[in-house]
Amino acid sequence: IFRSSAKNTVYLQMNSLNPEDTAVYYCNARLSL
């Protein structure tokens, strides 16, 4: 997992995937709100 220099984009590089990784993936952001 890593973020852009502007900190507003997050990436998830997934390697060596296997069938157990099958799912719906959700992005989450935590703010004061």
ModelCIF file with pLDDT and N, C-alpha, C, O atoms, coordinates in Angstrom:
data_MODEL
#
_entry.id   MODEL 
#
_entity.id                         1 
_entity.type                       polymer 
_entity.pdbx_number_of_molecules   1 
#
_entity_poly.entity_id                      1 
_entity_poly.type                           'polypeptide(L)' 
_entity_poly.nstd_linkage                   no 
_entity_poly.nstd_monomer                   no 
_entity_poly.pdbx_seq_one_letter_code       IFRSSAKNTVYLQMNSLNPEDTAVYYCNARLSL 
_entity_poly.pdbx_seq_one_letter_code_can   IFRSSAKNTVYLQMNSLNPEDTAVYYCNARLSL 
_entity_poly.pdbx_strand_id                 A 
#
loop_
_entity_poly_seq.entity_id 
_entity_poly_seq.num 
_entity_poly_seq.mon_id 
_entity_poly_seq.hetero 
1 1  ILE n 
1 2  PHE n 
1 3  ARG n 
1 4  SER n 
1 5  SER n 
1 6  ALA n 
1 7  LYS n 
1 8  ASN n 
1 9  THR n 
1 10 VAL n 
1 11 TYR n 
1 12 LEU n 
1 13 GLN n 
1 14 MET n 
1 15 ASN n 
1 16 SER n 
1 17 LEU n 
1 18 ASN n 
1 19 PRO n 
1 20 GLU n 
1 21 ASP n 
1 22 THR n 
1 23 ALA n 
1 24 VAL n 
1 25 TYR n 
1 26 TYR n 
1 27 CYS n 
1 28 ASN n 
1 29 ALA n 
1 30 ARG n 
1 31 LEU n 
1 32 SER n 
1 33 LEU n 
#
_struct_asym.id          A 
_struct_asym.entity_id   1 
#
loop_
_ma_qa_metric.id 
_ma_qa_metric.mode 
_ma_qa_metric.name 
_ma_qa_metric.software_group_id 
_ma_qa_metric.type 
1 global pLDDT . pLDDT 
2 local  pLDDT . pLDDT 
#
_ma_qa_metric_global.metric_id      1 
_ma_qa_metric_global.metric_value   95.00 
_ma_qa_metric_global.model_id       1 
_ma_qa_metric_global.ordinal_id     1 
#
loop_
_ma_qa_metric_local.label_asym_id 
_ma_qa_metric_local.label_comp_id 
_ma_qa_metric_local.label_seq_id 
_ma_qa_metric_local.metric_id 
_ma_qa_metric_local.metric_value 
_ma_qa_metric_local.model_id 
_ma_qa_metric_local.ordinal_id 
A ILE 1  2 98.00 1 1  
A PHE 2  2 97.00 1 2  
A ARG 3  2 95.00 1 3  
A SER 4  2 91.00 1 4  
A SER 5  2 84.00 1 5  
A ALA 6  2 86.00 1 6  
A LYS 7  2 86.00 1 7  
A ASN 8  2 91.00 1 8  
A THR 9  2 96.00 1 9  
A VAL 10 2 97.00 1 10 
A TYR 11 2 98.00 1 11 
A LEU 12 2 98.00 1 12 
A GLN 13 2 98.00 1 13 
A MET 14 2 98.00 1 14 
A ASN 15 2 98.00 1 15 
A SER 16 2 98.00 1 16 
A LEU 17 2 98.00 1 17 
A ASN 18 2 97.00 1 18 
A PRO 19 2 97.00 1 19 
A GLU 20 2 97.00 1 20 
A ASP 21 2 98.00 1 21 
A THR 22 2 98.00 1 22 
A ALA 23 2 98.00 1 23 
A VAL 24 2 98.00 1 24 
A TYR 25 2 98.00 1 25 
A TYR 26 2 98.00 1 26 
A CYS 27 2 98.00 1 27 
A ASN 28 2 97.00 1 28 
A ALA 29 2 96.00 1 29 
A ARG 30 2 94.00 1 30 
A LEU 31 2 92.00 1 31 
A SER 32 2 89.00 1 32 
A LEU 33 2 83.00 1 33 
#
loop_
_atom_site.group_PDB 
_atom_site.id 
_atom_site.type_symbol 
_atom_site.label_atom_id 
_atom_site.label_alt_id 
_atom_site.label_comp_id 
_atom_site.label_asym_id 
_atom_site.label_entity_id 
_atom_site.label_seq_id 
_atom_site.pdbx_PDB_ins_code 
_atom_site.Cartn_x 
_atom_site.Cartn_y 
_atom_site.Cartn_z 
_atom_site.occupancy 
_atom_site.B_iso_or_equiv 
_atom_site.pdbx_formal_charge 
_atom_site.auth_seq_id 
_atom_site.auth_comp_id 
_atom_site.auth_asym_id 
_atom_site.auth_atom_id 
_atom_site.pdbx_PDB_model_num 
ATOM 1   N N  . ILE A 1 1  ? 0.852   -1.187  0.000  1.00 98.00 ? 1  ILE A N  1 
ATOM 2   C CA . ILE A 1 1  ? 0.000   0.000   0.000  1.00 98.00 ? 1  ILE A CA 1 
ATOM 3   C C  . ILE A 1 1  ? 0.886   1.235   0.000  1.00 98.00 ? 1  ILE A C  1 
ATOM 4   O O  . ILE A 1 1  ? 1.884   1.284   0.720  1.00 98.00 ? 1  ILE A O  1 
ATOM 5   N N  . PHE A 1 2  ? 0.533   2.226   -0.796 1.00 97.00 ? 2  PHE A N  1 
ATOM 6   C CA . PHE A 1 2  ? 1.290   3.471   -0.813 1.00 97.00 ? 2  PHE A CA 1 
ATOM 7   C C  . PHE A 1 2  ? 0.377   4.604   -1.263 1.00 97.00 ? 2  PHE A C  1 
ATOM 8   O O  . PHE A 1 2  ? -0.695  4.376   -1.822 1.00 97.00 ? 2  PHE A O  1 
ATOM 9   N N  . ARG A 1 3  ? 0.828   5.832   -1.005 1.00 95.00 ? 3  ARG A N  1 
ATOM 10  C CA . ARG A 1 3  ? 0.028   7.019   -1.319 1.00 95.00 ? 3  ARG A CA 1 
ATOM 11  C C  . ARG A 1 3  ? 0.790   7.917   -2.267 1.00 95.00 ? 3  ARG A C  1 
ATOM 12  O O  . ARG A 1 3  ? 2.017   7.875   -2.357 1.00 95.00 ? 3  ARG A O  1 
ATOM 13  N N  . SER A 1 4  ? 0.024   8.732   -2.970 1.00 91.00 ? 4  SER A N  1 
ATOM 14  C CA . SER A 1 4  ? 0.633   9.725   -3.855 1.00 91.00 ? 4  SER A CA 1 
ATOM 15  C C  . SER A 1 4  ? 1.310   10.798  -3.013 1.00 91.00 ? 4  SER A C  1 
ATOM 16  O O  . SER A 1 4  ? 1.056   10.911  -1.813 1.00 91.00 ? 4  SER A O  1 
ATOM 17  N N  . SER A 1 5  ? 2.169   11.580  -3.648 1.00 84.00 ? 5  SER A N  1 
ATOM 18  C CA . SER A 1 5  ? 2.860   12.662  -2.939 1.00 84.00 ? 5  SER A CA 1 
ATOM 19  C C  . SER A 1 5  ? 1.867   13.700  -2.426 1.00 84.00 ? 5  SER A C  1 
ATOM 20  O O  . SER A 1 5  ? 2.119   14.353  -1.414 1.00 84.00 ? 5  SER A O  1 
ATOM 21  N N  . ALA A 1 6  ? 0.748   13.853  -3.114 1.00 86.00 ? 6  ALA A N  1 
ATOM 22  C CA . ALA A 1 6  ? -0.291  14.784  -2.669 1.00 86.00 ? 6  ALA A CA 1 
ATOM 23  C C  . ALA A 1 6  ? -1.142  14.200  -1.545 1.00 86.00 ? 6  ALA A C  1 
ATOM 24  O O  . ALA A 1 6  ? -1.988  14.888  -0.974 1.00 86.00 ? 6  ALA A O  1 
ATOM 25  N N  . LYS A 1 7  ? -0.908  12.925  -1.234 1.00 86.00 ? 7  LYS A N  1 
ATOM 26  C CA . LYS A 1 7  ? -1.567  12.225  -0.114 1.00 86.00 ? 7  LYS A CA 1 
ATOM 27  C C  . LYS A 1 7  ? -3.054  11.967  -0.323 1.00 86.00 ? 7  LYS A C  1 
ATOM 28  O O  . LYS A 1 7  ? -3.704  11.435  0.577  1.00 86.00 ? 7  LYS A O  1 
ATOM 29  N N  . ASN A 1 8  ? -3.621  12.325  -1.486 1.00 91.00 ? 8  ASN A N  1 
ATOM 30  C CA . ASN A 1 8  ? -5.054  12.138  -1.654 1.00 91.00 ? 8  ASN A CA 1 
ATOM 31  C C  . ASN A 1 8  ? -5.411  10.915  -2.492 1.00 91.00 ? 8  ASN A C  1 
ATOM 32  O O  . ASN A 1 8  ? -6.587  10.656  -2.748 1.00 91.00 ? 8  ASN A O  1 
ATOM 33  N N  . THR A 1 9  ? -4.405  10.169  -2.915 1.00 96.00 ? 9  THR A N  1 
ATOM 34  C CA . THR A 1 9  ? -4.638  8.947   -3.665 1.00 96.00 ? 9  THR A CA 1 
ATOM 35  C C  . THR A 1 9  ? -3.904  7.803   -2.969 1.00 96.00 ? 9  THR A C  1 
ATOM 36  O O  . THR A 1 9  ? -2.735  7.927   -2.602 1.00 96.00 ? 9  THR A O  1 
ATOM 37  N N  . VAL A 1 10 ? -4.605  6.698   -2.798 1.00 97.00 ? 10 VAL A N  1 
ATOM 38  C CA . VAL A 1 10 ? -3.979  5.532   -2.200 1.00 97.00 ? 10 VAL A CA 1 
ATOM 39  C C  . VAL A 1 10 ? -4.025  4.393   -3.211 1.00 97.00 ? 10 VAL A C  1 
ATOM 40  O O  . VAL A 1 10 ? -5.006  4.214   -3.934 1.00 97.00 ? 10 VAL A O  1 
ATOM 41  N N  . TYR A 1 11 ? -2.951  3.638   -3.241 1.00 98.00 ? 11 TYR A N  1 
ATOM 42  C CA . TYR A 1 11 ? -2.827  2.527   -4.174 1.00 98.00 ? 11 TYR A CA 1 
ATOM 43  C C  . TYR A 1 11 ? -2.643  1.224   -3.395 1.00 98.00 ? 11 TYR A C  1 
ATOM 44  O O  . TYR A 1 11 ? -2.117  1.215   -2.282 1.00 98.00 ? 11 TYR A O  1 
ATOM 45  N N  . LEU A 1 12 ? -3.082  0.145   -3.998 1.00 98.00 ? 12 LEU A N  1 
ATOM 46  C CA . LEU A 1 12 ? -2.832  -1.182  -3.449 1.00 98.00 ? 12 LEU A CA 1 
ATOM 47  C C  . LEU A 1 12 ? -2.283  -2.048  -4.571 1.00 98.00 ? 12 LEU A C  1 
ATOM 48  O O  . LEU A 1 12 ? -3.015  -2.452  -5.474 1.00 98.00 ? 12 LEU A O  1 
ATOM 49  N N  . GLN A 1 13 ? -1.000  -2.325  -4.506 1.00 98.00 ? 13 GLN A N  1 
ATOM 50  C CA . GLN A 1 13 ? -0.368  -3.215  -5.468 1.00 98.00 ? 13 GLN A CA 1 
ATOM 51  C C  . GLN A 1 13 ? -0.506  -4.632  -4.945 1.00 98.00 ? 13 GLN A C  1 
ATOM 52  O O  . GLN A 1 13 ? -0.012  -4.954  -3.865 1.00 98.00 ? 13 GLN A O  1 
ATOM 53  N N  . MET A 1 14 ? -1.177  -5.474  -5.710 1.00 98.00 ? 14 MET A N  1 
ATOM 54  C CA . MET A 1 14 ? -1.451  -6.844  -5.287 1.00 98.00 ? 14 MET A CA 1 
ATOM 55  C C  . MET A 1 14 ? -0.709  -7.810  -6.197 1.00 98.00 ? 14 MET A C  1 
ATOM 56  O O  . MET A 1 14 ? -0.968  -7.866  -7.399 1.00 98.00 ? 14 MET A O  1 
ATOM 57  N N  . ASN A 1 15 ? 0.207   -8.565  -5.624 1.00 98.00 ? 15 ASN A N  1 
ATOM 58  C CA . ASN A 1 15 ? 0.995   -9.540  -6.373 1.00 98.00 ? 15 ASN A CA 1 
ATOM 59  C C  . ASN A 1 15 ? 0.709   -10.951 -5.865 1.00 98.00 ? 15 ASN A C  1 
ATOM 60  O O  . ASN A 1 15 ? 0.159   -11.140 -4.780 1.00 98.00 ? 15 ASN A O  1 
ATOM 61  N N  . SER A 1 16 ? 1.093   -11.923 -6.666 1.00 98.00 ? 16 SER A N  1 
ATOM 62  C CA . SER A 1 16 ? 0.905   -13.332 -6.281 1.00 98.00 ? 16 SER A CA 1 
ATOM 63  C C  . SER A 1 16 ? -0.519  -13.595 -5.798 1.00 98.00 ? 16 SER A C  1 
ATOM 64  O O  . SER A 1 16 ? -0.740  -14.222 -4.761 1.00 98.00 ? 16 SER A O  1 
ATOM 65  N N  . LEU A 1 17 ? -1.458  -13.107 -6.563 1.00 98.00 ? 17 LEU A N  1 
ATOM 66  C CA . LEU A 1 17 ? -2.867  -13.258 -6.180 1.00 98.00 ? 17 LEU A CA 1 
ATOM 67  C C  . LEU A 1 17 ? -3.285  -14.720 -6.213 1.00 98.00 ? 17 LEU A C  1 
ATOM 68  O O  . LEU A 1 17 ? -2.812  -15.497 -7.042 1.00 98.00 ? 17 LEU A O  1 
ATOM 69  N N  . ASN A 1 18 ? -4.171  -15.078 -5.307 1.00 97.00 ? 18 ASN A N  1 
ATOM 70  C CA . ASN A 1 18 ? -4.731  -16.426 -5.276 1.00 97.00 ? 18 ASN A CA 1 
ATOM 71  C C  . ASN A 1 18 ? -6.249  -16.337 -5.152 1.00 97.00 ? 18 ASN A C  1 
ATOM 72  O O  . ASN A 1 18 ? -6.776  -15.279 -4.808 1.00 97.00 ? 18 ASN A O  1 
ATOM 73  N N  . PRO A 1 19 ? -6.953  -17.421 -5.423 1.00 97.00 ? 19 PRO A N  1 
ATOM 74  C CA . PRO A 1 19 ? -8.423  -17.369 -5.413 1.00 97.00 ? 19 PRO A CA 1 
ATOM 75  C C  . PRO A 1 19 ? -9.012  -16.870 -4.091 1.00 97.00 ? 19 PRO A C  1 
ATOM 76  O O  . PRO A 1 19 ? -10.114 -16.321 -4.072 1.00 97.00 ? 19 PRO A O  1 
ATOM 77  N N  . GLU A 1 20 ? -8.285  -17.058 -2.988 1.00 97.00 ? 20 GLU A N  1 
ATOM 78  C CA . GLU A 1 20 ? -8.783  -16.580 -1.691 1.00 97.00 ? 20 GLU A CA 1 
ATOM 79  C C  . GLU A 1 20 ? -8.798  -15.049 -1.600 1.00 97.00 ? 20 GLU A C  1 
ATOM 80  O O  . GLU A 1 20 ? -9.397  -14.490 -0.681 1.00 97.00 ? 20 GLU A O  1 
ATOM 81  N N  . ASP A 1 21 ? -8.154  -14.385 -2.532 1.00 98.00 ? 21 ASP A N  1 
ATOM 82  C CA . ASP A 1 21 ? -8.163  -12.917 -2.569 1.00 98.00 ? 21 ASP A CA 1 
ATOM 83  C C  . ASP A 1 21 ? -9.397  -12.374 -3.287 1.00 98.00 ? 21 ASP A C  1 
ATOM 84  O O  . ASP A 1 21 ? -9.607  -11.161 -3.317 1.00 98.00 ? 21 ASP A O  1 
ATOM 85  N N  . THR A 1 22 ? -10.208 -13.244 -3.858 1.00 98.00 ? 22 THR A N  1 
ATOM 86  C CA . THR A 1 22 ? -11.413 -12.813 -4.552 1.00 98.00 ? 22 THR A CA 1 
ATOM 87  C C  . THR A 1 22 ? -12.375 -12.155 -3.574 1.00 98.00 ? 22 THR A C  1 
ATOM 88  O O  . THR A 1 22 ? -12.745 -12.746 -2.559 1.00 98.00 ? 22 THR A O  1 
ATOM 89  N N  . ALA A 1 23 ? -12.778 -10.923 -3.888 1.00 98.00 ? 23 ALA A N  1 
ATOM 90  C CA . ALA A 1 23 ? -13.655 -10.156 -3.002 1.00 98.00 ? 23 ALA A CA 1 
ATOM 91  C C  . ALA A 1 23 ? -13.975 -8.820  -3.658 1.00 98.00 ? 23 ALA A C  1 
ATOM 92  O O  . ALA A 1 23 ? -13.404 -8.462  -4.688 1.00 98.00 ? 23 ALA A O  1 
ATOM 93  N N  . VAL A 1 24 ? -14.892 -8.099  -3.048 1.00 98.00 ? 24 VAL A N  1 
ATOM 94  C CA . VAL A 1 24 ? -15.077 -6.695  -3.388 1.00 98.00 ? 24 VAL A CA 1 
ATOM 95  C C  . VAL A 1 24 ? -14.151 -5.892  -2.475 1.00 98.00 ? 24 VAL A C  1 
ATOM 96  O O  . VAL A 1 24 ? -14.182 -6.041  -1.254 1.00 98.00 ? 24 VAL A O  1 
ATOM 97  N N  . TYR A 1 25 ? -13.347 -5.057  -3.072 1.00 98.00 ? 25 TYR A N  1 
ATOM 98  C CA . TYR A 1 25 ? -12.377 -4.257  -2.334 1.00 98.00 ? 25 TYR A CA 1 
ATOM 99  C C  . TYR A 1 25 ? -12.908 -2.826  -2.197 1.00 98.00 ? 25 TYR A C  1 
ATOM 100 O O  . TYR A 1 25 ? -13.329 -2.204  -3.172 1.00 98.00 ? 25 TYR A O  1 
ATOM 101 N N  . TYR A 1 26 ? -12.874 -2.325  -0.961 1.00 98.00 ? 26 TYR A N  1 
ATOM 102 C CA . TYR A 1 26 ? -13.396 -0.999  -0.653 1.00 98.00 ? 26 TYR A CA 1 
ATOM 103 C C  . TYR A 1 26 ? -12.283 -0.094  -0.146 1.00 98.00 ? 26 TYR A C  1 
ATOM 104 O O  . TYR A 1 26 ? -11.473 -0.478  0.699  1.00 98.00 ? 26 TYR A O  1 
ATOM 105 N N  . CYS A 1 27 ? -12.267 1.088   -0.672 1.00 98.00 ? 27 CYS A N  1 
ATOM 106 C CA . CYS A 1 27 ? -11.352 2.115   -0.177 1.00 98.00 ? 27 CYS A CA 1 
ATOM 107 C C  . CYS A 1 27 ? -11.979 2.793   1.035  1.00 98.00 ? 27 CYS A C  1 
ATOM 108 O O  . CYS A 1 27 ? -13.186 3.031   1.069  1.00 98.00 ? 27 CYS A O  1 
ATOM 109 N N  . ASN A 1 28 ? -11.159 3.099   2.020  1.00 97.00 ? 28 ASN A N  1 
ATOM 110 C CA . ASN A 1 28 ? -11.618 3.790   3.224  1.00 97.00 ? 28 ASN A CA 1 
ATOM 111 C C  . ASN A 1 28 ? -10.729 4.988   3.487  1.00 97.00 ? 28 ASN A C  1 
ATOM 112 O O  . ASN A 1 28 ? -9.510  4.919   3.331  1.00 97.00 ? 28 ASN A O  1 
ATOM 113 N N  . ALA A 1 29 ? -11.348 6.084   3.887  1.00 96.00 ? 29 ALA A N  1 
ATOM 114 C CA . ALA A 1 29 ? -10.600 7.286   4.256  1.00 96.00 ? 29 ALA A CA 1 
ATOM 115 C C  . ALA A 1 29 ? -11.096 7.778   5.608  1.00 96.00 ? 29 ALA A C  1 
ATOM 116 O O  . ALA A 1 29 ? -12.299 7.888   5.849  1.00 96.00 ? 29 ALA A O  1 
ATOM 117 N N  . ARG A 1 30 ? -10.149 8.069   6.474  1.00 94.00 ? 30 ARG A N  1 
ATOM 118 C CA . ARG A 1 30 ? -10.492 8.537   7.810  1.00 94.00 ? 30 ARG A CA 1 
ATOM 119 C C  . ARG A 1 30 ? -10.183 10.035  7.918  1.00 94.00 ? 30 ARG A C  1 
ATOM 120 O O  . ARG A 1 30 ? -9.053  10.468  7.691  1.00 94.00 ? 30 ARG A O  1 
ATOM 121 N N  . LEU A 1 31 ? -11.194 10.802  8.263  1.00 92.00 ? 31 LEU A N  1 
ATOM 122 C CA . LEU A 1 31 ? -11.038 12.242  8.439  1.00 92.00 ? 31 LEU A CA 1 
ATOM 123 C C  . LEU A 1 31 ? -11.609 12.633  9.795  1.00 92.00 ? 31 LEU A C  1 
ATOM 124 O O  . LEU A 1 31 ? -12.221 11.809  10.476 1.00 92.00 ? 31 LEU A O  1 
ATOM 125 N N  . SER A 1 32 ? -11.411 13.878  10.185 1.00 89.00 ? 32 SER A N  1 
ATOM 126 C CA . SER A 1 32 ? -11.996 14.353  11.441 1.00 89.00 ? 32 SER A CA 1 
ATOM 127 C C  . SER A 1 32 ? -13.518 14.309  11.378 1.00 89.00 ? 32 SER A C  1 
ATOM 128 O O  . SER A 1 32 ? -14.186 14.216  12.408 1.00 89.00 ? 32 SER A O  1 
ATOM 129 N N  . LEU A 1 33 ? -14.062 14.376  10.167 1.00 83.00 ? 33 LEU A N  1 
ATOM 130 C CA . LEU A 1 33 ? -15.516 14.332  9.975  1.00 83.00 ? 33 LEU A CA 1 
ATOM 131 C C  . LEU A 1 33 ? -16.066 12.915  10.149 1.00 83.00 ? 33 LEU A C  1 
ATOM 132 O O  . LEU A 1 33 ? -17.271 12.700  10.022 1.00 83.00 ? 33 LEU A O  1 
#
